[in-house]
Protein backbone atom coordinates (compact mmCIF):
# COMPACT_ATOMS: atom_id res chain seq x y z
CA MET A 1 0.06 -0.23 0.06
CA LYS A 2 1.40 3.38 -1.03
CA PRO A 3 1.87 6.03 1.89
CA LYS A 4 -0.61 8.78 1.87
CA ARG A 5 0.39 12.02 0.49
CA THR A 6 -0.23 15.17 2.61
CA ILE A 7 -1.64 18.16 0.99
CA LEU A 8 -1.70 21.49 2.84
CA CYS A 9 -4.96 23.50 2.07
CA VAL A 10 -5.22 27.20 3.02
CA ASP A 11 -8.35 29.17 2.52
CA GLU A 12 -9.91 31.86 4.92
CA ASN A 13 -13.36 30.82 3.76
CA GLU A 14 -14.12 27.74 6.11
CA GLN A 15 -16.97 26.35 4.05
CA SER A 16 -14.58 26.13 0.92
CA LEU A 17 -11.78 24.83 3.05
CA SER A 18 -14.17 22.12 4.53
CA HIS A 19 -15.35 20.97 0.94
CA CYS A 20 -11.85 20.76 -0.33
CA LYS A 21 -10.53 18.83 2.57
CA ILE A 22 -13.61 16.22 2.44
CA MET A 23 -13.18 15.68 -1.35
CA LEU A 24 -9.33 15.26 -1.07
CA GLU A 25 -9.53 13.08 2.26
CA THR A 26 -12.32 10.68 0.47
CA ARG A 27 -9.80 10.17 -2.20
CA GLY A 28 -7.07 8.86 0.35
CA TYR A 29 -4.89 12.07 0.65
CA ARG A 30 -4.03 13.39 4.20
CA VAL A 31 -5.04 16.93 4.55
CA THR A 32 -3.95 19.55 6.92
CA ALA A 33 -6.01 22.68 6.61
CA PHE A 34 -5.76 26.50 7.84
CA THR A 35 -7.50 29.31 7.37
CA ARG A 36 -4.57 31.75 7.83
CA GLY A 37 -1.38 31.78 5.63
CA GLU A 38 0.95 32.48 8.59
CA ASP A 39 -0.20 29.43 10.24
CA ALA A 40 0.05 27.39 7.20
CA LEU A 41 3.67 28.34 6.61
CA VAL A 42 4.40 27.44 10.20
CA ARG A 43 3.01 23.89 9.47
CA PHE A 44 4.88 23.64 6.26
CA ALA A 45 8.18 24.51 7.58
CA ALA A 46 7.62 21.48 10.13
CA GLY A 47 7.88 19.26 6.94
CA GLY A 48 5.91 16.35 5.50
CA ILE A 49 3.91 18.20 3.04
CA ASP A 50 3.80 17.05 -0.47
CA LEU A 51 1.50 19.75 -2.09
CA VAL A 52 -0.06 23.03 -1.26
CA ILE A 53 -3.67 24.37 -2.32
CA ALA A 54 -3.95 28.01 -1.67
CA ASP A 55 -6.62 30.75 -1.99
CA MET A 56 -5.41 33.74 -3.53
CA ALA A 57 -7.19 36.45 -1.36
CA MET A 58 -6.73 35.83 2.23
CA PRO A 59 -5.90 38.73 5.08
CA GLY A 60 -2.19 38.82 5.99
CA LEU A 61 -0.21 36.25 4.07
CA ASP A 62 -2.14 35.92 0.91
CA GLY A 63 -2.13 32.86 -1.49
CA PRO A 64 0.61 34.15 -3.87
CA GLN A 65 2.83 35.44 -0.99
CA LEU A 66 2.53 32.05 0.96
CA ILE A 67 3.33 29.98 -2.30
CA ALA A 68 6.45 32.36 -2.78
CA LYS A 69 7.57 31.67 0.92
CA ILE A 70 6.95 27.88 0.39
CA LYS A 71 8.96 27.90 -3.02
CA ASP A 72 11.88 29.83 -1.29
CA LEU A 73 11.94 26.89 1.40
CA SER A 74 11.39 24.07 -1.02
CA PRO A 75 11.21 24.89 -4.91
CA GLN A 76 10.10 21.11 -5.75
CA THR A 77 6.88 21.50 -3.79
CA PRO A 78 3.98 21.73 -6.21
CA ALA A 79 1.55 24.49 -5.40
CA ILE A 80 -2.12 25.21 -6.67
CA LEU A 81 -3.44 28.78 -6.39
CA ILE A 82 -7.28 29.09 -6.43
CA SER A 83 -9.05 32.49 -6.83
CA SER A 84 -12.41 33.81 -7.52
CA LYS A 85 -10.80 36.49 -9.71
CA VAL A 86 -10.47 35.23 -13.55
CA ARG A 87 -7.32 37.29 -14.37
CA ILE A 88 -4.33 35.80 -12.91
CA TYR A 89 -2.05 37.94 -14.78
CA ASP A 90 -2.89 40.91 -12.51
CA HIS A 91 -0.83 39.09 -9.84
CA ASP A 92 2.64 37.67 -9.75
CA SER A 93 2.66 33.97 -8.67
CA ARG A 94 4.93 31.05 -8.39
CA ALA A 95 2.00 28.60 -8.33
CA ASP A 96 2.29 25.63 -10.57
CA VAL A 97 -1.42 25.78 -11.45
CA PHE A 98 -3.82 28.30 -11.24
CA LEU A 99 -7.69 27.55 -10.91
CA THR A 100 -10.75 30.02 -11.14
CA LYS A 101 -13.33 29.13 -8.19
CA GLY A 102 -16.53 28.26 -9.95
CA MET A 103 -14.80 27.42 -13.36
CA TYR A 104 -13.56 23.90 -12.59
CA LEU A 105 -15.17 20.58 -11.57
CA PRO A 106 -13.87 18.89 -8.41
CA ALA A 107 -12.41 16.03 -11.00
CA ASP A 108 -10.48 18.71 -12.51
CA LEU A 109 -8.68 19.78 -9.02
CA LEU A 110 -8.30 15.96 -8.32
CA GLU A 111 -6.48 15.45 -11.61
CA ARG A 112 -4.16 18.14 -11.13
CA VAL A 113 -3.34 17.18 -7.82
CA ARG A 114 -2.66 13.59 -9.15
CA GLN A 115 -0.48 15.02 -12.01
CA LEU A 116 1.58 17.39 -9.69
CA LEU A 117 2.36 14.67 -7.35
CA VAL A 118 3.39 12.08 -10.19
CA ARG A 119 5.52 14.95 -11.58
CA ARG A 120 7.12 15.63 -7.98
CA ARG A 121 7.87 12.12 -7.77
CA GLY A 122 9.34 11.78 -10.94
CA PRO A 123 9.96 9.04 -13.35
CA LYS A 124 10.28 5.43 -11.87
CA ARG A 125 14.00 4.41 -11.37
CA PRO A 126 15.17 1.17 -12.54
CA LEU A 127 15.97 -1.41 -9.84
CA GLN A 128 19.48 -1.23 -8.41
CA LYS A 129 21.82 -3.90 -8.54
CA PRO A 130 22.48 -6.00 -5.40
CA ALA A 131 24.94 -4.64 -2.90
CA ALA A 132 27.31 -7.52 -3.59
CA ALA A 133 27.35 -6.84 -7.30
CA MET A 134 28.09 -3.13 -6.58
CA ALA A 135 30.95 -3.78 -4.07
CA SER A 136 32.64 -5.80 -6.78
CA HIS A 137 32.43 -3.15 -9.23
CA VAL A 138 33.75 -0.43 -6.78
CA GLY A 139 36.70 -2.49 -5.85
CA ALA A 140 37.43 -3.20 -9.60
CA ALA A 141 37.82 0.47 -10.29
């Protein structure tokens, strides 16, 4: 059985946050949810987060700022930015994916999450040689 991936969800709207959390948990993900960007950043810094989903507009540390700080700490961590505004080009963001609230199906979000986690994991590596065979190659060099 594969270990569960942990997703950090951040949205000041508790109803939206709860909906996202339930949707992801029913698909087998572990979800850590916060309504404030500052709290989410502290949790991210503690480690163990595989992907971040953040709302754009939040008081204090907003979505783009939170994602920028997360990318500074861990550039390979995928991030999805969700906004009720259609125009992302008005904002500078380091998010890997941008989705507009009300313009995507839950299945779209789940597929983006799946794709980003697969990309983060990278291609499957070939099986390594047994340690004894590797040791004989090291000695021969």
